[in-house]
């Protein structure tokens, strides 16, 4: 694959090198690569902590039109396209949060790309009469027609007002991180045993002098220490909770912690792997039994003509146009919602096989595809479960 299509300066050159190495790792592997997830910050950590966001950024830049106000307005077909490309490189279905993390990363990269292009636009646009001149000077990766649509977005009243408000909000930022593209989650992973408070301090100190980036950061750190020292030893208050309490939260982000995924409560603690949750173990066992039974059924059907009843069980559905996420309920985990969903997963399991909306006819799929569909049904239940929405 030619990575030269992503233009830019030295920073983008480093990004291309990261992607070249990713391509080599994928080529030398027998399948998609594993991803390590920090379930608190909802960030990728470990070997792929740099390659994953840069791959998402490249795909967003290459495939997604830039004239939409936000990622929520982008037609969903682009989301599916990028998820398909990511699945070539990574095991996105190995962890229940990975699809949601991928979508959140797309939204973040789309916003970043839009801001970069806005700065380019402002170099040529000072007054309304400068519009055509700005249109005639697109960024290198865009043609004039593509750039015109983006310029029109930048001059709409709603965008101008939102841009002014964002500028005011940025001025209110008291301190910024000094670790560049390395996330706090990755630093925590690299330095096992180091707590959240001390890691936050490291992210807000100058590396050459080991002093805080400003007085506000120093004051926040001291406030965290005071809170921690005042908590009784018997208390269950964690450093993570102290961090949240001291720094506060803003929409879609927990300061000092990381992003909140769609549908995730701001106060929700990180969850263990779904298979380890006691209230779901019986469901997992039941699912495994069904998979085994239906896999045996598939083997028989591949040796015999398919019954007419089985043909009628899974009628072909026409493909409908893909609306944007702002035109429909957003589904953060990327699952296709059925028209009628049972009120509980146990009810779903108890239904006759040919009536289960989330379980396809086994004769229609390969064993691998069928196993994947069953797993997706299980994950959908997990994230609709009341225990996971608290």
Protein backbone atom coordinates (compact mmCIF):
# COMPACT_ATOMS: atom_id res chain seq x y z
CA UNK A 1 0.00 0.00 0.00
CA UNK A 2 1.26 3.46 -0.89
CA UNK A 3 1.20 5.68 2.19
CA UNK A 4 2.40 8.75 0.28
CA UNK A 5 -1.22 9.81 -0.27
CA UNK A 6 -1.27 11.34 3.18
CA UNK A 7 0.49 14.66 2.65
CA UNK A 8 2.10 16.84 5.24
CA UNK A 9 5.12 17.97 7.18
CA UNK A 10 7.65 16.07 9.28
CA UNK A 11 4.99 15.05 11.79
CA UNK A 12 2.96 13.41 9.07
CA UNK A 13 6.17 11.81 7.83
CA UNK A 14 6.55 10.16 11.21
CA UNK A 15 2.93 9.10 10.96
CA UNK A 16 3.61 7.41 7.62
CA UNK A 17 6.55 5.55 9.15
CA UNK A 18 4.28 4.27 11.91
CA UNK A 19 1.80 3.05 9.29
CA UNK A 20 4.52 1.41 7.20
CA UNK A 21 5.57 -0.57 10.27
CA UNK A 22 1.92 -1.46 10.88
CA UNK A 23 1.67 -2.76 7.33
CA UNK A 24 4.74 -4.91 7.91
CA UNK A 25 3.33 -6.34 11.14
CA UNK A 26 0.05 -7.17 9.43
CA UNK A 27 1.82 -8.77 6.48
CA UNK A 28 3.90 -10.97 8.76
CA UNK A 29 0.94 -12.07 10.89
CA UNK A 30 -1.52 -14.84 10.16
CA UNK A 31 -4.50 -12.55 10.69
CA UNK A 32 -5.65 -9.22 12.14
CA UNK A 33 -3.53 -7.91 15.00
CA UNK A 34 -4.70 -7.81 18.64
CA UNK A 35 -5.43 -4.52 20.40
CA UNK A 36 -4.92 -3.73 24.07
CA UNK A 37 -7.62 -1.53 25.63
CA UNK A 38 -7.46 0.67 28.71
CA UNK A 39 -11.05 0.34 29.91
CA UNK A 40 -10.87 3.49 32.07
CA UNK A 41 -9.72 6.01 29.46
CA UNK A 42 -11.18 4.03 26.51
CA UNK A 43 -7.88 4.37 24.70
CA UNK A 44 -5.69 1.88 22.85
CA UNK A 45 -2.45 1.18 24.71
CA UNK A 46 0.57 -1.00 24.09
CA UNK A 47 2.21 -1.78 20.75
CA UNK A 48 -0.62 -0.29 18.66
CA UNK A 49 -1.17 2.86 20.75
CA UNK A 50 0.34 5.07 18.02
CA UNK A 51 -0.52 3.10 14.90
CA UNK A 52 -4.23 2.69 15.63
CA UNK A 53 -5.18 6.41 15.90
CA UNK A 54 -2.96 7.27 12.92
CA UNK A 55 -4.59 4.57 10.82
CA UNK A 56 -8.03 5.92 11.74
CA UNK A 57 -6.89 9.46 10.94
CA UNK A 58 -5.59 8.41 7.55
CA UNK A 59 -8.80 6.60 6.63
CA UNK A 60 -10.95 9.54 7.74
CA UNK A 61 -8.83 11.95 5.68
CA UNK A 62 -8.89 9.72 2.59
CA UNK A 63 -12.54 8.68 2.51
CA UNK A 64 -14.81 11.03 4.46
CA UNK A 65 -16.04 14.30 2.89
CA UNK A 66 -15.05 17.26 5.03
CA UNK A 67 -18.07 19.51 4.54
CA UNK A 68 -20.24 18.03 7.31
CA UNK A 69 -20.56 20.12 10.50
CA UNK A 70 -19.60 17.21 12.76
CA UNK A 71 -19.11 13.46 12.74
CA UNK A 72 -22.75 12.98 13.77
CA UNK A 73 -23.76 14.43 10.38
CA UNK A 74 -21.52 12.13 8.34
CA UNK A 75 -23.51 9.41 6.50
CA UNK A 76 -23.15 6.11 8.31
CA UNK A 77 -21.82 4.34 5.22
CA UNK A 78 -18.43 6.01 5.80
CA UNK A 79 -18.33 4.69 9.34
CA UNK A 80 -18.95 1.16 8.05
CA UNK A 81 -16.31 1.61 5.36
CA UNK A 82 -13.64 2.60 7.88
CA UNK A 83 -14.64 -0.17 10.29
CA UNK A 84 -14.22 -2.66 7.45
CA UNK A 85 -10.74 -1.32 6.73
CA UNK A 86 -9.81 -1.39 10.41
CA UNK A 87 -10.90 -5.03 10.64
CA UNK A 88 -8.30 -5.91 8.02
CA UNK A 89 -5.59 -4.76 10.43
CA UNK A 90 -7.08 -5.33 13.87
CA UNK A 91 -9.26 -7.76 15.82
CA UNK A 92 -12.06 -5.27 16.43
CA UNK A 93 -14.48 -7.92 17.67
CA UNK A 94 -12.15 -9.27 20.36
CA UNK A 95 -13.30 -6.72 22.97
CA UNK A 96 -16.81 -5.33 23.49
CA UNK A 97 -15.60 -1.70 23.52
CA UNK A 98 -13.40 -1.74 20.42
CA UNK A 99 -16.06 -0.76 17.87
CA UNK A 100 -17.19 2.14 20.08
CA UNK A 101 -13.57 3.20 20.63
CA UNK A 102 -13.00 3.11 16.87
CA UNK A 103 -16.03 5.31 16.21
CA UNK A 104 -14.98 7.76 18.94
CA UNK A 105 -11.53 7.92 17.34
CA UNK A 106 -13.12 8.64 13.94
CA UNK A 107 -15.08 11.54 15.43
CA UNK A 108 -11.97 12.92 17.10
CA UNK A 109 -9.88 12.69 13.92
CA UNK A 110 -12.66 14.25 11.85
CA UNK A 111 -12.80 17.20 14.24
CA UNK A 112 -9.01 17.59 14.18
CA UNK A 113 -8.93 17.49 10.37
CA UNK A 114 -11.69 20.12 10.22
CA UNK A 115 -9.77 22.43 12.57
CA UNK A 116 -6.60 22.11 10.48
CA UNK A 117 -8.53 23.02 7.34
CA UNK A 118 -10.20 25.93 9.13
CA UNK A 119 -6.76 27.39 9.88
CA UNK A 120 -5.85 27.03 6.20
CA UNK A 121 -9.10 28.75 5.21
CA UNK A 122 -8.41 31.69 7.53
CA UNK A 123 -5.08 32.33 5.86
CA UNK A 124 -6.98 33.44 2.75
CA UNK A 125 -10.32 34.57 4.17
CA UNK A 126 -10.40 37.80 6.17
CA UNK A 127 -13.55 39.40 4.76
CA UNK A 128 -16.58 38.11 2.80
CA UNK A 129 -15.11 39.40 -0.47
CA UNK A 130 -12.16 37.02 0.04
CA UNK A 131 -14.32 33.93 -0.37
CA UNK A 132 -13.49 33.11 -4.00
CA UNK A 133 -9.80 33.69 -3.38
CA UNK A 134 -9.94 31.22 -0.48
CA UNK A 135 -11.74 28.67 -2.66
CA UNK A 136 -8.99 28.92 -5.28
CA UNK A 137 -6.35 27.97 -2.71
CA UNK A 138 -7.35 24.52 -1.42
CA UNK A 139 -5.11 22.31 0.72
CA UNK A 140 -2.92 19.92 -1.25
CA UNK A 141 -5.13 16.88 -0.64
CA UNK A 142 -8.34 18.53 -1.93
CA UNK A 143 -9.54 19.73 -5.31
CA UNK A 144 -11.35 23.03 -5.72
CA UNK A 145 -14.85 21.50 -5.81
CA UNK A 146 -14.28 19.61 -2.56
CA UNK A 147 -12.74 22.68 -0.95
CA UNK A 148 -15.63 24.94 -1.99
CA UNK A 149 -18.11 22.82 -0.02
CA UNK A 150 -15.89 23.04 3.05
CA UNK A 151 -15.46 26.80 2.64
CA UNK A 152 -19.23 27.17 2.46
CA UNK A 153 -19.48 25.27 5.77
CA UNK A 154 -16.92 27.59 7.37
CA UNK A 155 -18.98 30.67 6.47
CA UNK A 156 -22.39 29.47 7.69
CA UNK A 157 -23.76 31.46 10.67
CA UNK A 158 -24.01 28.36 12.88
CA UNK A 159 -20.41 27.36 12.24
CA UNK A 160 -19.10 30.90 12.77
CA UNK A 161 -20.94 31.18 16.09
CA UNK A 162 -19.76 27.76 17.27
CA UNK A 163 -16.20 28.59 16.25
CA UNK A 164 -16.27 31.77 18.34
CA UNK A 165 -17.55 29.85 21.35
CA UNK A 166 -14.87 27.20 20.94
CA UNK A 167 -12.24 29.93 20.86
CA UNK A 168 -13.57 31.30 24.16
CA UNK A 169 -13.54 27.80 25.66
CA UNK A 170 -9.92 27.23 24.63
CA UNK A 171 -8.91 30.43 26.39
CA UNK A 172 -10.40 29.01 29.59
CA UNK A 173 -8.07 26.00 29.48
CA UNK A 174 -5.84 26.34 32.52
CA UNK A 175 -3.15 23.87 31.55
CA UNK A 176 -2.23 21.51 28.74
CA UNK A 177 -0.43 18.19 28.62
CA UNK A 178 3.33 18.04 27.99
CA UNK A 179 3.40 14.45 26.70
CA UNK A 180 2.38 15.12 23.10
CA UNK A 181 0.66 12.17 21.41
CA UNK A 182 1.50 9.78 24.27
CA UNK A 183 -1.67 9.32 26.31
CA UNK A 184 -1.90 9.20 30.07
CA UNK A 185 -3.23 5.65 29.73
CA UNK A 186 -0.07 4.59 27.89
CA UNK A 187 2.16 6.19 30.54
CA UNK A 188 0.23 4.33 33.25
CA UNK A 189 0.75 1.09 31.34
CA UNK A 190 4.47 1.68 30.86
CA UNK A 191 5.03 2.59 34.51
CA UNK A 192 3.23 -0.15 36.36
CA UNK A 193 2.55 0.75 39.97
CA UNK A 194 2.48 4.49 39.40
CA UNK A 195 -0.84 5.97 40.49
CA UNK A 196 -3.19 8.28 38.63
CA UNK A 197 -2.23 11.38 40.61
CA UNK A 198 1.52 11.04 40.06
CA UNK A 199 0.97 10.17 36.40
CA UNK A 200 -1.17 13.29 35.99
CA UNK A 201 1.67 15.29 37.52
CA UNK A 202 4.12 13.82 34.99
CA UNK A 203 1.79 14.80 32.15
CA UNK A 204 1.76 18.43 33.30
CA UNK A 205 5.40 19.09 34.14
CA UNK A 206 8.14 20.39 31.87
CA UNK A 207 10.56 17.64 30.98
CA UNK A 208 13.69 19.81 31.02
CA UNK A 209 13.11 21.45 34.43
CA UNK A 210 10.67 18.97 36.03
CA UNK A 211 8.50 21.92 37.07
CA UNK A 212 4.77 22.34 36.53
CA UNK A 213 3.68 23.89 33.26
CA UNK A 214 1.99 26.69 35.24
CA UNK A 215 0.73 27.61 38.69
CA UNK A 216 -2.79 26.32 37.99
CA UNK A 217 -1.49 22.80 37.35
CA UNK A 218 0.57 22.93 40.54
CA UNK A 219 -2.47 24.02 42.56
CA UNK A 220 -4.60 21.19 41.16
CA UNK A 221 -1.91 18.65 42.03
CA UNK A 222 -1.68 19.94 45.59
CA UNK A 223 -5.47 19.82 45.87
CA UNK A 224 -5.39 16.15 44.84
CA UNK A 225 -2.75 15.37 47.46
CA UNK A 226 -4.75 17.15 50.15
CA UNK A 227 -7.87 15.17 49.25
CA UNK A 228 -5.98 11.88 49.19
CA UNK A 229 -4.32 12.52 52.56
CA UNK A 230 -7.65 13.45 54.17
CA UNK A 231 -9.36 10.23 53.11
CA UNK A 232 -9.47 7.54 55.86
CA UNK A 233 -7.56 4.37 55.08
CA UNK A 234 -10.81 2.40 55.32
CA UNK A 235 -12.43 4.52 52.61
CA UNK A 236 -12.97 3.06 49.14
CA UNK A 237 -12.28 6.40 47.41
CA UNK A 238 -9.70 5.76 44.68
CA UNK A 239 -7.16 8.07 43.06
CA UNK A 240 -9.26 7.92 39.92
CA UNK A 241 -12.25 9.31 41.80
CA UNK A 242 -10.08 12.04 43.35
CA UNK A 243 -8.91 12.98 39.87
CA UNK A 244 -12.46 13.20 38.58
CA UNK A 245 -13.62 15.23 41.57
CA UNK A 246 -10.70 17.69 41.38
CA UNK A 247 -10.65 18.26 37.62
CA UNK A 248 -14.34 17.88 36.81
CA UNK A 249 -15.82 16.72 33.53
CA UNK A 250 -16.91 18.13 30.23
CA UNK A 251 -19.14 16.67 27.56
CA UNK A 252 -17.68 13.47 26.15
CA UNK A 253 -14.51 13.70 28.25
CA UNK A 254 -13.36 13.09 31.80
CA UNK A 255 -10.51 15.48 32.52
CA UNK A 256 -7.32 13.68 33.40
CA UNK A 257 -8.92 10.32 32.60
CA UNK A 258 -10.04 10.12 28.99
CA UNK A 259 -13.03 9.96 26.70
CA UNK A 260 -16.49 8.76 27.60
CA UNK A 261 -18.05 6.47 25.03
CA UNK A 262 -21.57 7.11 23.76
CA UNK A 263 -24.09 5.81 26.26
CA UNK A 264 -21.53 5.60 29.07
CA UNK A 265 -22.54 7.33 32.28
CA UNK A 266 -20.07 9.88 33.61
CA UNK A 267 -20.01 8.15 36.98
CA UNK A 268 -19.67 4.64 35.64
CA UNK A 269 -16.63 2.73 36.81
CA UNK A 270 -14.65 0.59 34.41
CA UNK A 271 -16.18 -2.85 33.92
CA UNK A 272 -14.37 -6.19 33.89
CA UNK A 273 -14.47 -8.38 30.81
CA UNK A 274 -18.09 -9.33 30.14
CA UNK A 275 -17.43 -13.05 30.47
CA UNK A 276 -16.20 -12.44 34.04
CA UNK A 277 -19.39 -10.73 35.22
CA UNK A 278 -21.19 -13.24 37.49
CA UNK A 279 -24.67 -12.28 36.33
CA UNK A 280 -23.75 -13.08 32.71
CA UNK A 281 -21.96 -16.40 33.14
CA UNK A 282 -25.12 -18.45 32.75
CA UNK A 283 -25.95 -16.54 29.58
CA UNK A 284 -22.50 -17.28 28.17
CA UNK A 285 -22.87 -21.00 28.93
CA UNK A 286 -26.31 -21.07 27.30
CA UNK A 287 -24.96 -19.26 24.24
CA UNK A 288 -22.13 -21.75 23.90
CA UNK A 289 -24.62 -24.64 24.03
CA UNK A 290 -26.71 -23.04 21.29
CA UNK A 291 -23.65 -22.44 19.13
CA UNK A 292 -22.63 -26.09 19.49
CA UNK A 293 -26.13 -27.36 18.69
CA UNK A 294 -26.59 -25.12 15.67
CA UNK A 295 -23.09 -25.83 14.35
CA UNK A 296 -23.98 -29.54 14.33
CA UNK A 297 -27.20 -28.66 12.55
CA UNK A 298 -25.21 -26.75 9.92
CA UNK A 299 -23.02 -29.77 9.28
CA UNK A 300 -26.08 -31.92 8.56
CA UNK A 301 -27.66 -29.31 6.32
CA UNK A 302 -24.51 -29.00 4.23
CA UNK A 303 -24.86 -32.70 3.42
CA UNK A 304 -28.59 -32.55 2.67
CA UNK A 305 -30.79 -30.28 0.51
CA UNK A 306 -32.01 -27.26 2.41
CA UNK A 307 -35.62 -27.57 3.55
CA UNK A 308 -38.22 -25.17 2.22
CA UNK A 309 -38.98 -24.20 5.81
CA UNK A 310 -35.39 -23.07 6.33
CA UNK A 311 -35.55 -21.02 3.13
CA UNK A 312 -38.63 -19.27 4.45
CA UNK A 313 -37.05 -18.63 7.85
CA UNK A 314 -34.61 -15.95 6.69
CA UNK A 315 -36.14 -13.92 3.84
CA UNK A 316 -33.87 -11.58 1.96
CA UNK A 317 -34.26 -7.96 3.05
CA UNK A 318 -33.72 -5.06 0.63
CA UNK A 319 -30.82 -2.72 1.36
CA UNK A 320 -32.04 0.64 2.60
CA UNK A 321 -30.28 4.00 2.24
CA UNK A 322 -27.89 4.78 5.09
CA UNK A 323 -28.93 7.87 7.09
CA UNK A 324 -26.51 9.90 9.19
CA UNK A 325 -26.26 9.28 12.92
CA UNK A 326 -28.06 12.58 13.56
CA UNK A 327 -31.11 11.21 11.70
CA UNK A 328 -31.40 8.05 13.75
CA UNK A 329 -30.66 6.76 17.24
CA UNK A 330 -26.89 6.41 17.60
CA UNK A 331 -25.70 2.83 18.19
CA UNK A 332 -22.25 3.17 19.81
CA UNK A 333 -21.25 -0.48 19.60
CA UNK A 334 -21.98 -0.68 15.88
CA UNK A 335 -24.72 -3.36 16.04
CA UNK A 336 -27.62 -3.62 13.64
CA UNK A 337 -30.79 -3.21 15.69
CA UNK A 338 -33.70 -5.54 14.88
CA UNK A 339 -37.19 -4.18 14.39
CA UNK A 340 -38.46 -6.13 17.40
CA UNK A 341 -36.09 -6.96 20.22
CA UNK A 342 -37.13 -9.20 23.15
CA UNK A 343 -37.20 -7.46 26.52
CA UNK A 344 -34.45 -9.72 27.86
CA UNK A 345 -31.80 -11.97 26.42
CA UNK A 346 -33.15 -14.95 28.35
CA UNK A 347 -36.44 -14.50 26.46
CA UNK A 348 -34.46 -14.46 23.24
CA UNK A 349 -32.78 -17.75 24.15
CA UNK A 350 -36.12 -19.33 25.02
CA UNK A 351 -37.72 -18.48 21.66
CA UNK A 352 -37.88 -21.17 18.95
CA UNK A 353 -34.78 -21.00 16.80
CA UNK A 354 -36.61 -20.02 13.64
CA UNK A 355 -38.21 -17.02 15.41
CA UNK A 356 -35.06 -15.46 16.83
CA UNK A 357 -34.51 -12.12 15.07
CA UNK A 358 -30.85 -11.89 16.08
CA UNK A 359 -29.87 -15.47 15.11
CA UNK A 360 -29.64 -16.03 11.32
CA UNK A 361 -30.47 -19.28 9.61
CA UNK A 362 -27.36 -21.47 9.96
CA UNK A 363 -27.68 -22.75 6.41
CA UNK A 364 -27.09 -19.23 5.13
CA UNK A 365 -23.64 -18.77 6.72
CA UNK A 366 -20.31 -20.47 7.10
CA UNK A 367 -19.48 -21.76 10.61
CA UNK A 368 -17.14 -18.81 11.18
CA UNK A 369 -19.75 -16.29 10.08
CA UNK A 370 -22.44 -17.91 12.20
CA UNK A 371 -20.22 -17.94 15.30
CA UNK A 372 -19.51 -14.24 14.76
CA UNK A 373 -23.24 -13.46 14.44
CA UNK A 374 -23.97 -15.28 17.69
CA UNK A 375 -21.20 -13.39 19.47
CA UNK A 376 -22.52 -10.07 18.14
CA UNK A 377 -25.97 -10.99 19.52
CA UNK A 378 -24.45 -11.66 22.91
CA UNK A 379 -22.55 -8.35 22.92
CA UNK A 380 -25.72 -6.47 21.99
CA UNK A 381 -27.43 -7.95 25.02
CA UNK A 382 -24.50 -6.96 27.25
CA UNK A 383 -24.73 -3.30 26.31
CA UNK A 384 -28.53 -3.22 26.57
CA UNK A 385 -28.44 -4.93 29.96
CA UNK A 386 -29.56 -2.78 32.93
CA UNK A 387 -26.35 -3.73 34.74
CA UNK A 388 -24.36 -2.07 32.00
CA UNK A 389 -26.42 1.10 31.82
CA UNK A 390 -26.09 2.13 35.41
